[in-house]
Amino acid sequence: LVQAGGSLRLSCAASMSIFSIRNMGWYRQAPG
């Protein structure tokens, strides 16, 4: 939870080496 104007850093840890993973990304889904 953060106030408007604030910052967050998201992290994603993979269980394998990502060196050879060509495409990675962040998606989001809001209710509805």
PDB file of all heavy atoms in Angstrom:
ATOM      1  N   LEU A   1       0.854  -1.189   0.000  1.00  0.00           N
ATOM      2  CA  LEU A   1       0.000   0.000   0.000  1.00  0.00           C
ATOM      3  C   LEU A   1       0.888   1.237   0.000  1.00  0.00           C
ATOM      4  O   LEU A   1       1.796   1.359   0.831  1.00  0.00           O
ATOM      5  CB  LEU A   1      -0.905  -0.007   1.225  1.00  0.00           C
ATOM      6  CG  LEU A   1      -1.765   1.233   1.458  1.00  0.00           C
ATOM      7  CD1 LEU A   1      -2.776   1.409   0.325  1.00  0.00           C
ATOM      8  CD2 LEU A   1      -2.478   1.130   2.799  1.00  0.00           C
ATOM      9  N   VAL A   2       0.633   2.133  -0.924  1.00  0.00           N
ATOM     10  CA  VAL A   2       1.432   3.348  -1.036  1.00  0.00           C
ATOM     11  C   VAL A   2       0.519   4.517  -1.395  1.00  0.00           C
ATOM     12  O   VAL A   2      -0.522   4.318  -2.038  1.00  0.00           O
ATOM     13  CB  VAL A   2       2.552   3.156  -2.092  1.00  0.00           C
ATOM     14  CG1 VAL A   2       1.973   2.944  -3.475  1.00  0.00           C
ATOM     15  CG2 VAL A   2       3.540   4.304  -2.075  1.00  0.00           C
ATOM     16  N   GLN A   3       0.898   5.697  -0.979  1.00  0.00           N
ATOM     17  CA  GLN A   3       0.122   6.884  -1.331  1.00  0.00           C
ATOM     18  C   GLN A   3       0.434   7.319  -2.755  1.00  0.00           C
ATOM     19  O   GLN A   3       1.530   7.037  -3.285  1.00  0.00           O
ATOM     20  CB  GLN A   3       0.421   8.023  -0.361  1.00  0.00           C
ATOM     21  CG  GLN A   3      -0.140   7.814   1.031  1.00  0.00           C
ATOM     22  CD  GLN A   3       0.013   9.056   1.898  1.00  0.00           C
ATOM     23  OE1 GLN A   3       0.950   9.835   1.728  1.00  0.00           O
ATOM     24  NE2 GLN A   3      -0.914   9.233   2.829  1.00  0.00           N
ATOM     25  N   ALA A   4      -0.495   7.998  -3.350  1.00  0.00           N
ATOM     26  CA  ALA A   4      -0.286   8.531  -4.697  1.00  0.00           C
ATOM     27  C   ALA A   4       0.979   9.392  -4.705  1.00  0.00           C
ATOM     28  O   ALA A   4       1.225  10.164  -3.778  1.00  0.00           O
ATOM     29  CB  ALA A   4      -1.495   9.351  -5.133  1.00  0.00           C
ATOM     30  N   GLY A   5       1.765   9.213  -5.764  1.00  0.00           N
ATOM     31  CA  GLY A   5       3.041   9.912  -5.862  1.00  0.00           C
ATOM     32  C   GLY A   5       4.214   9.126  -5.319  1.00  0.00           C
ATOM     33  O   GLY A   5       5.371   9.511  -5.536  1.00  0.00           O
ATOM     34  N   GLY A   6       3.933   8.046  -4.626  1.00  0.00           N
ATOM     35  CA  GLY A   6       4.991   7.231  -4.046  1.00  0.00           C
ATOM     36  C   GLY A   6       5.592   6.251  -5.027  1.00  0.00           C
ATOM     37  O   GLY A   6       5.255   6.241  -6.219  1.00  0.00           O
ATOM     38  N   SER A   7       6.494   5.441  -4.518  1.00  0.00           N
ATOM     39  CA  SER A   7       7.229   4.493  -5.353  1.00  0.00           C
ATOM     40  C   SER A   7       7.224   3.106  -4.726  1.00  0.00           C
ATOM     41  O   SER A   7       7.124   2.958  -3.497  1.00  0.00           O
ATOM     42  CB  SER A   7       8.684   4.939  -5.534  1.00  0.00           C
ATOM     43  OG  SER A   7       8.778   6.188  -6.160  1.00  0.00           O
ATOM     44  N   LEU A   8       7.327   2.117  -5.575  1.00  0.00           N
ATOM     45  CA  LEU A   8       7.507   0.727  -5.155  1.00  0.00           C
ATOM     46  C   LEU A   8       8.436   0.054  -6.154  1.00  0.00           C
ATOM     47  O   LEU A   8       8.462   0.420  -7.335  1.00  0.00           O
ATOM     48  CB  LEU A   8       6.180  -0.028  -5.130  1.00  0.00           C
ATOM     49  CG  LEU A   8       5.201   0.232  -3.991  1.00  0.00           C
ATOM     50  CD1 LEU A   8       3.888  -0.499  -4.253  1.00  0.00           C
ATOM     51  CD2 LEU A   8       5.786  -0.192  -2.657  1.00  0.00           C
ATOM     52  N   ARG A   9       9.167  -0.944  -5.671  1.00  0.00           N
ATOM     53  CA  ARG A   9       9.949  -1.773  -6.587  1.00  0.00           C
ATOM     54  C   ARG A   9       9.500  -3.218  -6.425  1.00  0.00           C
ATOM     55  O   ARG A   9       9.611  -3.798  -5.349  1.00  0.00           O
ATOM     56  CB  ARG A   9      11.450  -1.664  -6.335  1.00  0.00           C
ATOM     57  CG  ARG A   9      12.250  -2.395  -7.413  1.00  0.00           C
ATOM     58  CD  ARG A   9      13.746  -2.221  -7.275  1.00  0.00           C
ATOM     59  NE  ARG A   9      14.322  -3.152  -6.321  1.00  0.00           N
ATOM     60  CZ  ARG A   9      15.587  -3.563  -6.352  1.00  0.00           C
ATOM     61  NH1 ARG A   9      16.392  -3.114  -7.312  1.00  0.00           N
ATOM     62  NH2 ARG A   9      16.053  -4.379  -5.440  1.00  0.00           N
ATOM     63  N   LEU A  10       9.009  -3.755  -7.510  1.00  0.00           N
ATOM     64  CA  LEU A  10       8.607  -5.152  -7.522  1.00  0.00           C
ATOM     65  C   LEU A  10       9.775  -6.018  -7.972  1.00  0.00           C
ATOM     66  O   LEU A  10      10.570  -5.610  -8.819  1.00  0.00           O
ATOM     67  CB  LEU A  10       7.426  -5.366  -8.465  1.00  0.00           C
ATOM     68  CG  LEU A  10       6.197  -4.494  -8.250  1.00  0.00           C
ATOM     69  CD1 LEU A  10       5.090  -4.902  -9.223  1.00  0.00           C
ATOM     70  CD2 LEU A  10       5.716  -4.553  -6.825  1.00  0.00           C
ATOM     71  N   SER A  11       9.849  -7.200  -7.403  1.00  0.00           N
ATOM     72  CA  SER A  11      10.873  -8.170  -7.795  1.00  0.00           C
ATOM     73  C   SER A  11      10.207  -9.484  -8.173  1.00  0.00           C
ATOM     74  O   SER A  11       9.152  -9.830  -7.641  1.00  0.00           O
ATOM     75  CB  SER A  11      11.851  -8.419  -6.643  1.00  0.00           C
ATOM     76  OG  SER A  11      12.525  -7.247  -6.274  1.00  0.00           O
ATOM     77  N   CYS A  12      10.831 -10.191  -9.071  1.00  0.00           N
ATOM     78  CA  CYS A  12      10.355 -11.506  -9.479  1.00  0.00           C
ATOM     79  C   CYS A  12      11.553 -12.449  -9.480  1.00  0.00           C
ATOM     80  O   CYS A  12      12.514 -12.228 -10.237  1.00  0.00           O
ATOM     81  CB  CYS A  12       9.729 -11.441 -10.858  1.00  0.00           C
ATOM     82  SG  CYS A  12       9.315 -13.054 -11.571  1.00  0.00           S
ATOM     83  N   ALA A  13      11.505 -13.446  -8.622  1.00  0.00           N
ATOM     84  CA  ALA A  13      12.590 -14.418  -8.530  1.00  0.00           C
ATOM     85  C   ALA A  13      12.220 -15.670  -9.319  1.00  0.00           C
ATOM     86  O   ALA A  13      11.127 -16.224  -9.130  1.00  0.00           O
ATOM     87  CB  ALA A  13      12.850 -14.775  -7.080  1.00  0.00           C
ATOM     88  N   ALA A  14      13.120 -16.087 -10.182  1.00  0.00           N
ATOM     89  CA  ALA A  14      12.885 -17.273 -11.003  1.00  0.00           C
ATOM     90  C   ALA A  14      13.628 -18.471 -10.422  1.00  0.00           C
ATOM     91  O   ALA A  14      14.698 -18.330  -9.831  1.00  0.00           O
ATOM     92  CB  ALA A  14      13.339 -17.022 -12.436  1.00  0.00           C
ATOM     93  N   SER A  15      13.046 -19.648 -10.625  1.00  0.00           N
ATOM     94  CA  SER A  15      13.644 -20.876 -10.083  1.00  0.00           C
ATOM     95  C   SER A  15      14.674 -21.483 -11.026  1.00  0.00           C
ATOM     96  O   SER A  15      15.216 -22.546 -10.738  1.00  0.00           O
ATOM     97  CB  SER A  15      12.546 -21.906  -9.802  1.00  0.00           C
ATOM     98  OG  SER A  15      11.891 -22.258 -11.001  1.00  0.00           O
ATOM     99  N   MET A  16      14.912 -20.792 -12.146  1.00  0.00           N
ATOM    100  CA  MET A  16      15.903 -21.257 -13.089  1.00  0.00           C
ATOM    101  C   MET A  16      16.666 -20.055 -13.629  1.00  0.00           C
ATOM    102  O   MET A  16      16.272 -18.916 -13.412  1.00  0.00           O
ATOM    103  CB  MET A  16      15.241 -21.998 -14.256  1.00  0.00           C
ATOM    104  CG  MET A  16      14.292 -21.146 -15.075  1.00  0.00           C
ATOM    105  SD  MET A  16      13.622 -21.969 -16.535  1.00  0.00           S
ATOM    106  CE  MET A  16      14.989 -21.756 -17.673  1.00  0.00           C
ATOM    107  N   SER A  17      17.730 -20.320 -14.319  1.00  0.00           N
ATOM    108  CA  SER A  17      18.485 -19.230 -14.915  1.00  0.00           C
ATOM    109  C   SER A  17      17.626 -18.512 -15.945  1.00  0.00           C
ATOM    110  O   SER A  17      16.987 -19.144 -16.786  1.00  0.00           O
ATOM    111  CB  SER A  17      19.744 -19.777 -15.594  1.00  0.00           C
ATOM    112  OG  SER A  17      20.372 -18.757 -16.357  1.00  0.00           O
ATOM    113  N   ILE A  18      17.602 -17.193 -15.864  1.00  0.00           N
ATOM    114  CA  ILE A  18      16.816 -16.428 -16.821  1.00  0.00           C
ATOM    115  C   ILE A  18      17.682 -15.933 -17.978  1.00  0.00           C
ATOM    116  O   ILE A  18      17.193 -15.245 -18.872  1.00  0.00           O
ATOM    117  CB  ILE A  18      16.098 -15.238 -16.160  1.00  0.00           C
ATOM    118  CG1 ILE A  18      17.108 -14.184 -15.691  1.00  0.00           C
ATOM    119  CG2 ILE A  18      15.201 -15.709 -15.031  1.00  0.00           C
ATOM    120  CD1 ILE A  18      16.444 -12.880 -15.255  1.00  0.00           C
ATOM    121  N   PHE A  19      18.937 -16.299 -17.956  1.00  0.00           N
ATOM    122  CA  PHE A  19      19.877 -15.806 -18.982  1.00  0.00           C
ATOM    123  C   PHE A  19      19.367 -16.093 -20.389  1.00  0.00           C
ATOM    124  O   PHE A  19      19.469 -15.264 -21.284  1.00  0.00           O
ATOM    125  CB  PHE A  19      21.251 -16.447 -18.789  1.00  0.00           C
ATOM    126  CG  PHE A  19      22.260 -15.993 -19.790  1.00  0.00           C
ATOM    127  CD1 PHE A  19      22.907 -14.777 -19.628  1.00  0.00           C
ATOM    128  CD2 PHE A  19      22.581 -16.765 -20.910  1.00  0.00           C
ATOM    129  CE1 PHE A  19      23.840 -14.339 -20.562  1.00  0.00           C
ATOM    130  CE2 PHE A  19      23.512 -16.333 -21.838  1.00  0.00           C
ATOM    131  CZ  PHE A  19      24.145 -15.124 -21.661  1.00  0.00           C
ATOM    132  N   SER A  20      18.790 -17.275 -20.567  1.00  0.00           N
ATOM    133  CA  SER A  20      18.357 -17.661 -21.907  1.00  0.00           C
ATOM    134  C   SER A  20      16.879 -17.404 -22.165  1.00  0.00           C
ATOM    135  O   SER A  20      16.378 -17.728 -23.249  1.00  0.00           O
ATOM    136  CB  SER A  20      18.653 -19.151 -22.129  1.00  0.00           C
ATOM    137  OG  SER A  20      17.957 -19.930 -21.184  1.00  0.00           O
ATOM    138  N   ILE A  21      16.185 -16.827 -21.202  1.00  0.00           N
ATOM    139  CA  ILE A  21      14.753 -16.525 -21.423  1.00  0.00           C
ATOM    140  C   ILE A  21      14.668 -15.244 -22.234  1.00  0.00           C
ATOM    141  O   ILE A  21      15.077 -14.182 -21.772  1.00  0.00           O
ATOM    142  CB  ILE A  21      13.999 -16.380 -20.098  1.00  0.00           C
ATOM    143  CG1 ILE A  21      14.057 -17.682 -19.311  1.00  0.00           C
ATOM    144  CG2 ILE A  21      12.542 -15.991 -20.380  1.00  0.00           C
ATOM    145  CD1 ILE A  21      13.360 -17.604 -17.963  1.00  0.00           C
ATOM    146  N   ARG A  22      14.133 -15.389 -23.421  1.00  0.00           N
ATOM    147  CA  ARG A  22      14.147 -14.262 -24.357  1.00  0.00           C
ATOM    148  C   ARG A  22      13.261 -13.122 -23.892  1.00  0.00           C
ATOM    149  O   ARG A  22      13.665 -11.962 -23.907  1.00  0.00           O
ATOM    150  CB  ARG A  22      13.728 -14.729 -25.743  1.00  0.00           C
ATOM    151  CG  ARG A  22      13.832 -13.658 -26.813  1.00  0.00           C
ATOM    152  CD  ARG A  22      13.606 -14.258 -28.182  1.00  0.00           C
ATOM    153  NE  ARG A  22      14.614 -15.265 -28.518  1.00  0.00           N
ATOM    154  CZ  ARG A  22      14.623 -15.962 -29.646  1.00  0.00           C
ATOM    155  NH1 ARG A  22      13.670 -15.789 -30.540  1.00  0.00           N
ATOM    156  NH2 ARG A  22      15.563 -16.848 -29.873  1.00  0.00           N
ATOM    157  N   ASN A  23      12.049 -13.431 -23.511  1.00  0.00           N
ATOM    158  CA  ASN A  23      11.096 -12.381 -23.180  1.00  0.00           C
ATOM    159  C   ASN A  23      10.522 -12.568 -21.789  1.00  0.00           C
ATOM    160  O   ASN A  23       9.997 -13.640 -21.462  1.00  0.00           O
ATOM    161  CB  ASN A  23       9.949 -12.351 -24.193  1.00  0.00           C
ATOM    162  CG  ASN A  23      10.430 -11.976 -25.579  1.00  0.00           C
ATOM    163  OD1 ASN A  23      11.128 -10.992 -25.754  1.00  0.00           O
ATOM    164  ND2 ASN A  23      10.062 -12.776 -26.574  1.00  0.00           N
ATOM    165  N   MET A  24      10.610 -11.520 -21.009  1.00  0.00           N
ATOM    166  CA  MET A  24      10.004 -11.494 -19.684  1.00  0.00           C
ATOM    167  C   MET A  24       9.233 -10.183 -19.552  1.00  0.00           C
ATOM    168  O   MET A  24       9.507  -9.215 -20.274  1.00  0.00           O
ATOM    169  CB  MET A  24      11.063 -11.606 -18.584  1.00  0.00           C
ATOM    170  CG  MET A  24      11.880 -12.883 -18.640  1.00  0.00           C
ATOM    171  SD  MET A  24      12.932 -13.109 -17.185  1.00  0.00           S
ATOM    172  CE  MET A  24      11.705 -13.547 -15.944  1.00  0.00           C
ATOM    173  N   GLY A  25       8.285 -10.170 -18.635  1.00  0.00           N
ATOM    174  CA  GLY A  25       7.509  -8.957 -18.506  1.00  0.00           C
ATOM    175  C   GLY A  25       6.709  -8.894 -17.230  1.00  0.00           C
ATOM    176  O   GLY A  25       6.652  -9.859 -16.455  1.00  0.00           O
ATOM    177  N   TRP A  26       6.124  -7.750 -17.040  1.00  0.00           N
ATOM    178  CA  TRP A  26       5.197  -7.512 -15.934  1.00  0.00           C
ATOM    179  C   TRP A  26       3.830  -7.187 -16.515  1.00  0.00           C
ATOM    180  O   TRP A  26       3.716  -6.349 -17.434  1.00  0.00           O
ATOM    181  CB  TRP A  26       5.671  -6.344 -15.066  1.00  0.00           C
ATOM    182  CG  TRP A  26       6.856  -6.652 -14.226  1.00  0.00           C
ATOM    183  CD1 TRP A  26       8.169  -6.388 -14.507  1.00  0.00           C
ATOM    184  CD2 TRP A  26       6.841  -7.296 -12.940  1.00  0.00           C
ATOM    185  NE1 TRP A  26       8.967  -6.831 -13.486  1.00  0.00           N
ATOM    186  CE2 TRP A  26       8.174  -7.379 -12.504  1.00  0.00           C
ATOM    187  CE3 TRP A  26       5.840  -7.782 -12.108  1.00  0.00           C
ATOM    188  CZ2 TRP A  26       8.534  -7.955 -11.293  1.00  0.00           C
ATOM    189  CZ3 TRP A  26       6.200  -8.350 -10.904  1.00  0.00           C
ATOM    190  CH2 TRP A  26       7.529  -8.436 -10.506  1.00  0.00           C
ATOM    191  N   TYR A  27       2.818  -7.844 -15.973  1.00  0.00           N
ATOM    192  CA  TYR A  27       1.434  -7.592 -16.335  1.00  0.00           C
ATOM    193  C   TYR A  27       0.691  -7.190 -15.066  1.00  0.00           C
ATOM    194  O   TYR A  27       1.165  -7.429 -13.953  1.00  0.00           O
ATOM    195  CB  TYR A  27       0.788  -8.856 -16.917  1.00  0.00           C
ATOM    196  CG  TYR A  27       1.253  -9.222 -18.300  1.00  0.00           C
ATOM    197  CD1 TYR A  27       2.539  -9.712 -18.525  1.00  0.00           C
ATOM    198  CD2 TYR A  27       0.409  -9.101 -19.398  1.00  0.00           C
ATOM    199  CE1 TYR A  27       2.968 -10.054 -19.792  1.00  0.00           C
ATOM    200  CE2 TYR A  27       0.825  -9.443 -20.675  1.00  0.00           C
ATOM    201  CZ  TYR A  27       2.100  -9.917 -20.858  1.00  0.00           C
ATOM    202  OH  TYR A  27       2.521 -10.252 -22.119  1.00  0.00           O
ATOM    203  N   ARG A  28      -0.466  -6.617 -15.253  1.00  0.00           N
ATOM    204  CA  ARG A  28      -1.298  -6.295 -14.095  1.00  0.00           C
ATOM    205  C   ARG A  28      -2.769  -6.541 -14.428  1.00  0.00           C
ATOM    206  O   ARG A  28      -3.167  -6.493 -15.589  1.00  0.00           O
ATOM    207  CB  ARG A  28      -1.089  -4.850 -13.647  1.00  0.00           C
ATOM    208  CG  ARG A  28      -1.600  -3.798 -14.601  1.00  0.00           C
ATOM    209  CD  ARG A  28      -1.213  -2.407 -14.099  1.00  0.00           C
ATOM    210  NE  ARG A  28      -1.722  -1.356 -14.978  1.00  0.00           N
ATOM    211  CZ  ARG A  28      -1.388  -0.074 -14.854  1.00  0.00           C
ATOM    212  NH1 ARG A  28      -0.556   0.316 -13.885  1.00  0.00           N
ATOM    213  NH2 ARG A  28      -1.909   0.820 -15.668  1.00  0.00           N
ATOM    214  N   GLN A  29      -3.512  -6.799 -13.384  1.00  0.00           N
ATOM    215  CA  GLN A  29      -4.942  -7.018 -13.545  1.00  0.00           C
ATOM    216  C   GLN A  29      -5.678  -6.367 -12.382  1.00  0.00           C
ATOM    217  O   GLN A  29      -5.448  -6.704 -11.222  1.00  0.00           O
ATOM    218  CB  GLN A  29      -5.263  -8.512 -13.608  1.00  0.00           C
ATOM    219  CG  GLN A  29      -6.702  -8.804 -13.955  1.00  0.00           C
ATOM    220  CD  GLN A  29      -6.939 -10.255 -14.310  1.00  0.00           C
ATOM    221  OE1 GLN A  29      -6.143 -11.135 -13.977  1.00  0.00           O
ATOM    222  NE2 GLN A  29      -8.023 -10.530 -15.013  1.00  0.00           N
ATOM    223  N   ALA A  30      -6.541  -5.435 -12.731  1.00  0.00           N
ATOM    224  CA  ALA A  30      -7.388  -4.770 -11.748  1.00  0.00           C
ATOM    225  C   ALA A  30      -8.730  -5.494 -11.694  1.00  0.00           C
ATOM    226  O   ALA A  30      -9.120  -6.153 -12.663  1.00  0.00           O
ATOM    227  CB  ALA A  30      -7.576  -3.314 -12.122  1.00  0.00           C
ATOM    228  N   PRO A  31      -9.443  -5.383 -10.593  1.00  0.00           N
ATOM    229  CA  PRO A  31     -10.738  -6.057 -10.474  1.00  0.00           C
ATOM    230  C   PRO A  31     -11.677  -5.675 -11.616  1.00  0.00           C
ATOM    231  O   PRO A  31     -11.846  -4.490 -11.923  1.00  0.00           O
ATOM    232  CB  PRO A  31     -11.271  -5.557  -9.132  1.00  0.00           C
ATOM    233  CG  PRO A  31     -10.051  -5.229  -8.347  1.00  0.00           C
ATOM    234  CD  PRO A  31      -9.070  -4.686  -9.342  1.00  0.00           C
ATOM    235  N   GLY A  32     -12.257  -6.671 -12.249  1.00  0.00           N
ATOM    236  CA  GLY A  32     -13.200  -6.431 -13.319  1.00  0.00           C
ATOM    237  C   GLY A  32     -12.569  -6.076 -14.650  1.00  0.00           C
ATOM    238  O   GLY A  32     -13.287  -5.781 -15.614  1.00  0.00           O
TER     239      GLY A  32
END
